[in-house]
Amino acid sequence: MATIEIYTSALCGYCHAAKRLLKSKNVGFTEIDVTTKPALRQKMMQRANGRHTVPQIFINGAHVGGYDDLSALDRQGKLDPLLA
C-alpha cells in the first residue's frame, strides 16, 4: 500500500475534495494541517517546489501536485497504480 501525505488547511474546499477522492479509493493518508503552522507550510513549500497553495499531495514521497493533478491522474487511469 502506498504512503500518502496531504498538506491541507481547514477551510479549503479542494483539500476536502482530495480527501474524499482518496477515501473513495479506500486508502489511508496522513493529513498535515498547515492552517496555523507556518513552519509546516514552509516545509510543504520546500517539498512542493515552491507551491504555496493547498492541498499538496505526496505519494510514496513523490510530489503529485494538488487536487486538480490528483483528479487528472484518476481520470487518466494512472492513480490506482500509484496507490497499489
PDB file of N, CA and C in Angstrom:
ATOM      1  N   MET A   1       0.850  -1.192   0.000  1.00  0.00           N
ATOM      2  CA  MET A   1       0.000   0.000   0.000  1.00  0.00           C
ATOM      3  C   MET A   1       0.885   1.241   0.000  1.00  0.00           C
ATOM      4  N   ALA A   2       0.470   2.242  -0.719  1.00  0.00           N
ATOM      5  CA  ALA A   2       1.231   3.487  -0.856  1.00  0.00           C
ATOM      6  C   ALA A   2       1.194   4.307   0.433  1.00  0.00           C
ATOM      7  N   THR A   3       2.235   5.094   0.623  1.00  0.00           N
ATOM      8  CA  THR A   3       2.287   6.064   1.710  1.00  0.00           C
ATOM      9  C   THR A   3       1.856   7.404   1.119  1.00  0.00           C
ATOM     10  N   ILE A   4       0.796   7.985   1.678  1.00  0.00           N
ATOM     11  CA  ILE A   4       0.236   9.223   1.135  1.00  0.00           C
ATOM     12  C   ILE A   4       0.249  10.299   2.210  1.00  0.00           C
ATOM     13  N   GLU A   5       0.756  11.468   1.842  1.00  0.00           N
ATOM     14  CA  GLU A   5       0.727  12.636   2.714  1.00  0.00           C
ATOM     15  C   GLU A   5      -0.007  13.738   1.974  1.00  0.00           C
ATOM     16  N   ILE A   6      -0.886  14.426   2.695  1.00  0.00           N
ATOM     17  CA  ILE A   6      -1.620  15.531   2.082  1.00  0.00           C
ATOM     18  C   ILE A   6      -1.582  16.729   3.026  1.00  0.00           C
ATOM     19  N   TYR A   7      -1.016  17.813   2.517  1.00  0.00           N
ATOM     20  CA  TYR A   7      -0.975  19.069   3.262  1.00  0.00           C
ATOM     21  C   TYR A   7      -2.281  19.808   2.999  1.00  0.00           C
ATOM     22  N   THR A   8      -2.945  20.243   4.067  1.00  0.00           N
ATOM     23  CA  THR A   8      -4.267  20.850   3.952  1.00  0.00           C
ATOM     24  C   THR A   8      -4.378  22.094   4.825  1.00  0.00           C
ATOM     25  N   SER A   9      -5.497  22.790   4.652  1.00  0.00           N
ATOM     26  CA  SER A   9      -5.909  23.825   5.599  1.00  0.00           C
ATOM     27  C   SER A   9      -7.405  23.637   5.854  1.00  0.00           C
ATOM     28  N   ALA A  10      -7.854  24.160   6.960  1.00  0.00           N
ATOM     29  CA  ALA A  10      -9.196  23.869   7.456  1.00  0.00           C
ATOM     30  C   ALA A  10     -10.329  24.264   6.501  1.00  0.00           C
ATOM     31  N   LEU A  11     -10.233  25.408   5.865  1.00  0.00           N
ATOM     32  CA  LEU A  11     -11.350  25.915   5.071  1.00  0.00           C
ATOM     33  C   LEU A  11     -11.165  25.727   3.566  1.00  0.00           C
ATOM     34  N   CYS A  12     -10.346  24.781   3.185  1.00  0.00           N
ATOM     35  CA  CYS A  12     -10.011  24.577   1.778  1.00  0.00           C
ATOM     36  C   CYS A  12     -10.930  23.536   1.142  1.00  0.00           C
ATOM     37  N   GLY A  13     -11.762  23.964   0.224  1.00  0.00           N
ATOM     38  CA  GLY A  13     -12.673  23.059  -0.469  1.00  0.00           C
ATOM     39  C   GLY A  13     -11.944  22.025  -1.309  1.00  0.00           C
ATOM     40  N   TYR A  14     -10.845  22.417  -1.947  1.00  0.00           N
ATOM     41  CA  TYR A  14     -10.074  21.469  -2.746  1.00  0.00           C
ATOM     42  C   TYR A  14      -9.422  20.402  -1.862  1.00  0.00           C
ATOM     43  N   CYS A  15      -9.048  20.784  -0.644  1.00  0.00           N
ATOM     44  CA  CYS A  15      -8.487  19.819   0.305  1.00  0.00           C
ATOM     45  C   CYS A  15      -9.527  18.756   0.645  1.00  0.00           C
ATOM     46  N   HIS A  16     -10.750  19.215   0.915  1.00  0.00           N
ATOM     47  CA  HIS A  16     -11.832  18.270   1.234  1.00  0.00           C
ATOM     48  C   HIS A  16     -12.119  17.360   0.041  1.00  0.00           C
ATOM     49  N   ALA A  17     -12.082  17.912  -1.165  1.00  0.00           N
ATOM     50  CA  ALA A  17     -12.325  17.109  -2.369  1.00  0.00           C
ATOM     51  C   ALA A  17     -11.217  16.063  -2.553  1.00  0.00           C
ATOM     52  N   ALA A  18      -9.972  16.439  -2.315  1.00  0.00           N
ATOM     53  CA  ALA A  18      -8.858  15.498  -2.452  1.00  0.00           C
ATOM     54  C   ALA A  18      -8.989  14.371  -1.428  1.00  0.00           C
ATOM     55  N   LYS A  19      -9.351  14.715  -0.208  1.00  0.00           N
ATOM     56  CA  LYS A  19      -9.519  13.682   0.826  1.00  0.00           C
ATOM     57  C   LYS A  19     -10.680  12.754   0.478  1.00  0.00           C
ATOM     58  N   ARG A  20     -11.765  13.301  -0.064  1.00  0.00           N
ATOM     59  CA  ARG A  20     -12.897  12.454  -0.491  1.00  0.00           C
ATOM     60  C   ARG A  20     -12.469  11.483  -1.583  1.00  0.00           C
ATOM     61  N   LEU A  21     -11.701  11.978  -2.547  1.00  0.00           N
ATOM     62  CA  LEU A  21     -11.238  11.118  -3.633  1.00  0.00           C
ATOM     63  C   LEU A  21     -10.361   9.991  -3.090  1.00  0.00           C
ATOM     64  N   LEU A  22      -9.440  10.323  -2.197  1.00  0.00           N
ATOM     65  CA  LEU A  22      -8.574   9.295  -1.623  1.00  0.00           C
ATOM     66  C   LEU A  22      -9.374   8.299  -0.788  1.00  0.00           C
ATOM     67  N   LYS A  23     -10.338   8.797  -0.028  1.00  0.00           N
ATOM     68  CA  LYS A  23     -11.183   7.896   0.770  1.00  0.00           C
ATOM     69  C   LYS A  23     -11.998   6.975  -0.131  1.00  0.00           C
ATOM     70  N   SER A  24     -12.439   7.482  -1.274  1.00  0.00           N
ATOM     71  CA  SER A  24     -13.210   6.653  -2.200  1.00  0.00           C
ATOM     72  C   SER A  24     -12.366   5.517  -2.772  1.00  0.00           C
ATOM     73  N   LYS A  25     -11.045   5.677  -2.718  1.00  0.00           N
ATOM     74  CA  LYS A  25     -10.117   4.639  -3.181  1.00  0.00           C
ATOM     75  C   LYS A  25      -9.746   3.680  -2.046  1.00  0.00           C
ATOM     76  N   ASN A  26     -10.323   3.913  -0.861  1.00  0.00           N
ATOM     77  CA  ASN A  26     -10.058   3.072   0.316  1.00  0.00           C
ATOM     78  C   ASN A  26      -8.578   3.008   0.681  1.00  0.00           C
ATOM     79  N   VAL A  27      -7.925   4.162   0.621  1.00  0.00           N
ATOM     80  CA  VAL A  27      -6.524   4.241   1.028  1.00  0.00           C
ATOM     81  C   VAL A  27      -6.410   5.194   2.216  1.00  0.00           C
ATOM     82  N   GLY A  28      -5.488   4.877   3.083  1.00  0.00           N
ATOM     83  CA  GLY A  28      -5.227   5.750   4.212  1.00  0.00           C
ATOM     84  C   GLY A  28      -4.234   6.827   3.815  1.00  0.00           C
ATOM     85  N   PHE A  29      -4.247   7.921   4.553  1.00  0.00           N
ATOM     86  CA  PHE A  29      -3.303   9.009   4.282  1.00  0.00           C
ATOM     87  C   PHE A  29      -3.026   9.762   5.565  1.00  0.00           C
ATOM     88  N   THR A  30      -1.908  10.445   5.567  1.00  0.00           N
ATOM     89  CA  THR A  30      -1.544  11.310   6.682  1.00  0.00           C
ATOM     90  C   THR A  30      -1.871  12.733   6.276  1.00  0.00           C
ATOM     91  N   GLU A  31      -2.714  13.379   7.070  1.00  0.00           N
ATOM     92  CA  GLU A  31      -3.088  14.769   6.806  1.00  0.00           C
ATOM     93  C   GLU A  31      -2.228  15.683   7.655  1.00  0.00           C
ATOM     94  N   ILE A  32      -1.648  16.683   7.014  1.00  0.00           N
ATOM     95  CA  ILE A  32      -0.812  17.663   7.703  1.00  0.00           C
ATOM     96  C   ILE A  32      -1.479  19.022   7.525  1.00  0.00           C
ATOM     97  N   ASP A  33      -2.125  19.496   8.580  1.00  0.00           N
ATOM     98  CA  ASP A  33      -2.868  20.757   8.537  1.00  0.00           C
ATOM     99  C   ASP A  33      -1.906  21.914   8.774  1.00  0.00           C
ATOM    100  N   VAL A  34      -1.780  22.790   7.787  1.00  0.00           N
ATOM    101  CA  VAL A  34      -0.850  23.919   7.873  1.00  0.00           C
ATOM    102  C   VAL A  34      -1.548  25.236   8.199  1.00  0.00           C
ATOM    103  N   THR A  35      -2.829  25.158   8.571  1.00  0.00           N
ATOM    104  CA  THR A  35      -3.626  26.369   8.799  1.00  0.00           C
ATOM    105  C   THR A  35      -2.922  27.357   9.723  1.00  0.00           C
ATOM    106  N   THR A  36      -2.461  26.898  10.856  1.00  0.00           N
ATOM    107  CA  THR A  36      -1.848  27.801  11.842  1.00  0.00           C
ATOM    108  C   THR A  36      -0.405  27.404  12.145  1.00  0.00           C
ATOM    109  N   LYS A  37       0.234  26.741  11.202  1.00  0.00           N
ATOM    110  CA  LYS A  37       1.593  26.254  11.442  1.00  0.00           C
ATOM    111  C   LYS A  37       2.528  26.692  10.304  1.00  0.00           C
ATOM    112  N   PRO A  38       3.064  27.907  10.399  1.00  0.00           N
ATOM    113  CA  PRO A  38       3.931  28.422   9.335  1.00  0.00           C
ATOM    114  C   PRO A  38       5.137  27.530   9.043  1.00  0.00           C
ATOM    115  N   ALA A  39       5.690  26.877  10.052  1.00  0.00           N
ATOM    116  CA  ALA A  39       6.860  26.017   9.822  1.00  0.00           C
ATOM    117  C   ALA A  39       6.481  24.824   8.950  1.00  0.00           C
ATOM    118  N   LEU A  40       5.298  24.259   9.170  1.00  0.00           N
ATOM    119  CA  LEU A  40       4.843  23.140   8.337  1.00  0.00           C
ATOM    120  C   LEU A  40       4.540  23.607   6.917  1.00  0.00           C
ATOM    121  N   ARG A  41       3.970  24.800   6.780  1.00  0.00           N
ATOM    122  CA  ARG A  41       3.710  25.345   5.441  1.00  0.00           C
ATOM    123  C   ARG A  41       5.030  25.558   4.696  1.00  0.00           C
ATOM    124  N   GLN A  42       6.037  26.037   5.409  1.00  0.00           N
ATOM    125  CA  GLN A  42       7.353  26.253   4.798  1.00  0.00           C
ATOM    126  C   GLN A  42       7.947  24.925   4.330  1.00  0.00           C
ATOM    127  N   LYS A  43       7.819  23.889   5.151  1.00  0.00           N
ATOM    128  CA  LYS A  43       8.312  22.565   4.762  1.00  0.00           C
ATOM    129  C   LYS A  43       7.558  22.057   3.529  1.00  0.00           C
ATOM    130  N   MET A  44       6.235  22.266   3.502  1.00  0.00           N
ATOM    131  CA  MET A  44       5.427  21.869   2.351  1.00  0.00           C
ATOM    132  C   MET A  44       5.935  22.569   1.091  1.00  0.00           C
ATOM    133  N   MET A  45       6.181  23.875   1.200  1.00  0.00           N
ATOM    134  CA  MET A  45       6.632  24.644   0.044  1.00  0.00           C
ATOM    135  C   MET A  45       7.991  24.149  -0.459  1.00  0.00           C
ATOM    136  N   GLN A  46       8.874  23.787   0.457  1.00  0.00           N
ATOM    137  CA  GLN A  46      10.172  23.252   0.046  1.00  0.00           C
ATOM    138  C   GLN A  46       9.996  21.934  -0.690  1.00  0.00           C
ATOM    139  N   ARG A  47       9.146  21.082  -0.163  1.00  0.00           N
ATOM    140  CA  ARG A  47       8.925  19.770  -0.777  1.00  0.00           C
ATOM    141  C   ARG A  47       8.190  19.875  -2.108  1.00  0.00           C
ATOM    142  N   ALA A  48       7.328  20.899  -2.234  1.00  0.00           N
ATOM    143  CA  ALA A  48       6.469  21.037  -3.418  1.00  0.00           C
ATOM    144  C   ALA A  48       7.030  22.048  -4.419  1.00  0.00           C
ATOM    145  N   ASN A  49       8.328  22.223  -4.424  1.00  0.00           N
ATOM    146  CA  ASN A  49       8.978  23.112  -5.396  1.00  0.00           C
ATOM    147  C   ASN A  49       8.413  24.527  -5.380  1.00  0.00           C
ATOM    148  N   GLY A  50       8.161  25.049  -4.180  1.00  0.00           N
ATOM    149  CA  GLY A  50       7.714  26.424  -4.041  1.00  0.00           C
ATOM    150  C   GLY A  50       6.217  26.640  -4.095  1.00  0.00           C
ATOM    151  N   ARG A  51       5.456  25.614  -4.408  1.00  0.00           N
ATOM    152  CA  ARG A  51       3.994  25.785  -4.413  1.00  0.00           C
ATOM    153  C   ARG A  51       3.520  26.103  -3.005  1.00  0.00           C
ATOM    154  N   HIS A  52       2.675  27.118  -2.890  1.00  0.00           N
ATOM    155  CA  HIS A  52       2.226  27.558  -1.571  1.00  0.00           C
ATOM    156  C   HIS A  52       0.747  27.286  -1.318  1.00  0.00           C
ATOM    157  N   THR A  53       0.037  26.810  -2.322  1.00  0.00           N
ATOM    158  CA  THR A  53      -1.384  26.538  -2.153  1.00  0.00           C
ATOM    159  C   THR A  53      -1.594  25.116  -1.635  1.00  0.00           C
ATOM    160  N   VAL A  54      -2.717  24.916  -1.000  1.00  0.00           N
ATOM    161  CA  VAL A  54      -3.098  23.579  -0.532  1.00  0.00           C
ATOM    162  C   VAL A  54      -4.292  23.099  -1.334  1.00  0.00           C
ATOM    163  N   PRO A  55      -4.477  21.818  -1.479  1.00  0.00           N
ATOM    164  CA  PRO A  55      -3.632  20.763  -0.930  1.00  0.00           C
ATOM    165  C   PRO A  55      -2.378  20.556  -1.772  1.00  0.00           C
ATOM    166  N   GLN A  56      -1.378  19.985  -1.143  1.00  0.00           N
ATOM    167  CA  GLN A  56      -0.201  19.461  -1.838  1.00  0.00           C
ATOM    168  C   GLN A  56      -0.122  17.998  -1.424  1.00  0.00           C
ATOM    169  N   ILE A  57      -0.035  17.128  -2.413  1.00  0.00           N
ATOM    170  CA  ILE A  57      -0.169  15.699  -2.182  1.00  0.00           C
ATOM    171  C   ILE A  57       1.114  14.983  -2.599  1.00  0.00           C
ATOM    172  N   PHE A  58       1.539  14.054  -1.750  1.00  0.00           N
ATOM    173  CA  PHE A  58       2.734  13.249  -1.990  1.00  0.00           C
ATOM    174  C   PHE A  58       2.349  11.778  -1.876  1.00  0.00           C
ATOM    175  N   ILE A  59       2.751  10.992  -2.866  1.00  0.00           N
ATOM    176  CA  ILE A  59       2.515   9.557  -2.845  1.00  0.00           C
ATOM    177  C   ILE A  59       3.875   8.875  -2.902  1.00  0.00           C
ATOM    178  N   ASN A  60       4.160   8.078  -1.871  1.00  0.00           N
ATOM    179  CA  ASN A  60       5.472   7.414  -1.740  1.00  0.00           C
ATOM    180  C   ASN A  60       6.618   8.410  -1.852  1.00  0.00           C
ATOM    181  N   GLY A  61       6.408   9.593  -1.268  1.00  0.00           N
ATOM    182  CA  GLY A  61       7.445  10.621  -1.241  1.00  0.00           C
ATOM    183  C   GLY A  61       7.529  11.481  -2.481  1.00  0.00           C
ATOM    184  N   ALA A  62       6.834  11.096  -3.549  1.00  0.00           N
ATOM    185  CA  ALA A  62       6.870  11.869  -4.798  1.00  0.00           C
ATOM    186  C   ALA A  62       5.735  12.891  -4.813  1.00  0.00           C
ATOM    187  N   HIS A  63       6.058  14.102  -5.218  1.00  0.00           N
ATOM    188  CA  HIS A  63       5.054  15.156  -5.286  1.00  0.00           C
ATOM    189  C   HIS A  63       4.123  14.919  -6.467  1.00  0.00           C
ATOM    190  N   VAL A  64       2.827  14.809  -6.161  1.00  0.00           N
ATOM    191  CA  VAL A  64       1.807  14.604  -7.196  1.00  0.00           C
ATOM    192  C   VAL A  64       1.236  15.934  -7.641  1.00  0.00           C
ATOM    193  N   GLY A  65       1.131  16.876  -6.713  1.00  0.00           N
ATOM    194  CA  GLY A  65       0.544  18.177  -7.004  1.00  0.00           C
ATOM    195  C   GLY A  65      -0.652  18.415  -6.106  1.00  0.00           C
ATOM    196  N   GLY A  66      -1.604  19.183  -6.628  1.00  0.00           N
ATOM    197  CA  GLY A  66      -2.811  19.500  -5.880  1.00  0.00           C
ATOM    198  C   GLY A  66      -3.983  18.634  -6.294  1.00  0.00           C
ATOM    199  N   TYR A  67      -5.178  19.090  -5.925  1.00  0.00           N
ATOM    200  CA  TYR A  67      -6.373  18.301  -6.227  1.00  0.00           C
ATOM    201  C   TYR A  67      -6.569  18.123  -7.730  1.00  0.00           C
ATOM    202  N   ASP A  68      -6.395  19.180  -8.505  1.00  0.00           N
ATOM    203  CA  ASP A  68      -6.585  19.065  -9.958  1.00  0.00           C
ATOM    204  C   ASP A  68      -5.661  18.008 -10.552  1.00  0.00           C
ATOM    205  N   ASP A  69      -4.432  17.969 -10.069  1.00  0.00           N
ATOM    206  CA  ASP A  69      -3.466  16.980 -10.551  1.00  0.00           C
ATOM    207  C   ASP A  69      -3.875  15.566 -10.148  1.00  0.00           C
ATOM    208  N   LEU A  70      -4.317  15.419  -8.891  1.00  0.00           N
ATOM    209  CA  LEU A  70      -4.762  14.119  -8.397  1.00  0.00           C
ATOM    210  C   LEU A  70      -5.965  13.628  -9.188  1.00  0.00           C
ATOM    211  N   SER A  71      -6.909  14.508  -9.414  1.00  0.00           N
ATOM    212  CA  SER A  71      -8.117  14.174 -10.162  1.00  0.00           C
ATOM    213  C   SER A  71      -7.784  13.803 -11.606  1.00  0.00           C
ATOM    214  N   ALA A  72      -6.851  14.523 -12.219  1.00  0.00           N
ATOM    215  CA  ALA A  72      -6.445  14.215 -13.594  1.00  0.00           C
ATOM    216  C   ALA A  72      -5.809  12.835 -13.667  1.00  0.00           C
ATOM    217  N   LEU A  73      -4.970  12.496 -12.686  1.00  0.00           N
ATOM    218  CA  LEU A  73      -4.378  11.154 -12.652  1.00  0.00           C
ATOM    219  C   LEU A  73      -5.470  10.088 -12.570  1.00  0.00           C
ATOM    220  N   ASP A  74      -6.489  10.362 -11.773  1.00  0.00           N
ATOM    221  CA  ASP A  74      -7.588   9.401 -11.635  1.00  0.00           C
ATOM    222  C   ASP A  74      -8.339   9.237 -12.955  1.00  0.00           C
ATOM    223  N   ARG A  75      -8.646  10.344 -13.623  1.00  0.00           N
ATOM    224  CA  ARG A  75      -9.366  10.283 -14.900  1.00  0.00           C
ATOM    225  C   ARG A  75      -8.560   9.547 -15.972  1.00  0.00           C
ATOM    226  N   GLN A  76      -7.242   9.661 -15.903  1.00  0.00           N
ATOM    227  CA  GLN A  76      -6.370   9.011 -16.890  1.00  0.00           C
ATOM    228  C   GLN A  76      -6.079   7.562 -16.548  1.00  0.00           C
ATOM    229  N   GLY A  77      -6.604   7.092 -15.420  1.00  0.00           N
ATOM    230  CA  GLY A  77      -6.347   5.729 -15.001  1.00  0.00           C
ATOM    231  C   GLY A  77      -4.960   5.507 -14.421  1.00  0.00           C
ATOM    232  N   LYS A  78      -4.272   6.583 -14.035  1.00  0.00           N
ATOM    233  CA  LYS A  78      -2.905   6.477 -13.531  1.00  0.00           C
ATOM    234  C   LYS A  78      -2.818   6.533 -12.014  1.00  0.00           C
ATOM    235  N   LEU A  79      -3.921   6.861 -11.343  1.00  0.00           N
ATOM    236  CA  LEU A  79      -3.878   6.986  -9.882  1.00  0.00           C
ATOM    237  C   LEU A  79      -3.851   5.625  -9.195  1.00  0.00           C
ATOM    238  N   ASP A  80      -4.713   4.719  -9.609  1.00  0.00           N
ATOM    239  CA  ASP A  80      -4.790   3.415  -8.953  1.00  0.00           C
ATOM    240  C   ASP A  80      -3.447   2.687  -8.914  1.00  0.00           C
ATOM    241  N   PRO A  81      -2.671   2.660 -10.008  1.00  0.00           N
ATOM    242  CA  PRO A  81      -1.360   2.008  -9.928  1.00  0.00           C
ATOM    243  C   PRO A  81      -0.424   2.669  -8.917  1.00  0.00           C
ATOM    244  N   LEU A  82      -0.515   3.990  -8.758  1.00  0.00           N
ATOM    245  CA  LEU A  82       0.312   4.684  -7.782  1.00  0.00           C
ATOM    246  C   LEU A  82      -0.073   4.312  -6.359  1.00  0.00           C
ATOM    247  N   LEU A  83      -1.354   4.037  -6.154  1.00  0.00           N
ATOM    248  CA  LEU A  83      -1.864   3.739  -4.823  1.00  0.00           C
ATOM    249  C   LEU A  83      -1.662   2.276  -4.429  1.00  0.00           C
ATOM    250  N   ALA A  84      -1.368   1.428  -5.397  1.00  0.00           N
ATOM    251  CA  ALA A  84      -1.245  -0.017  -5.119  1.00  0.00           C
ATOM    252  C   ALA A  84      -0.017  -0.332  -4.286  1.00  0.00           C
TER     253      ALA A  84
END
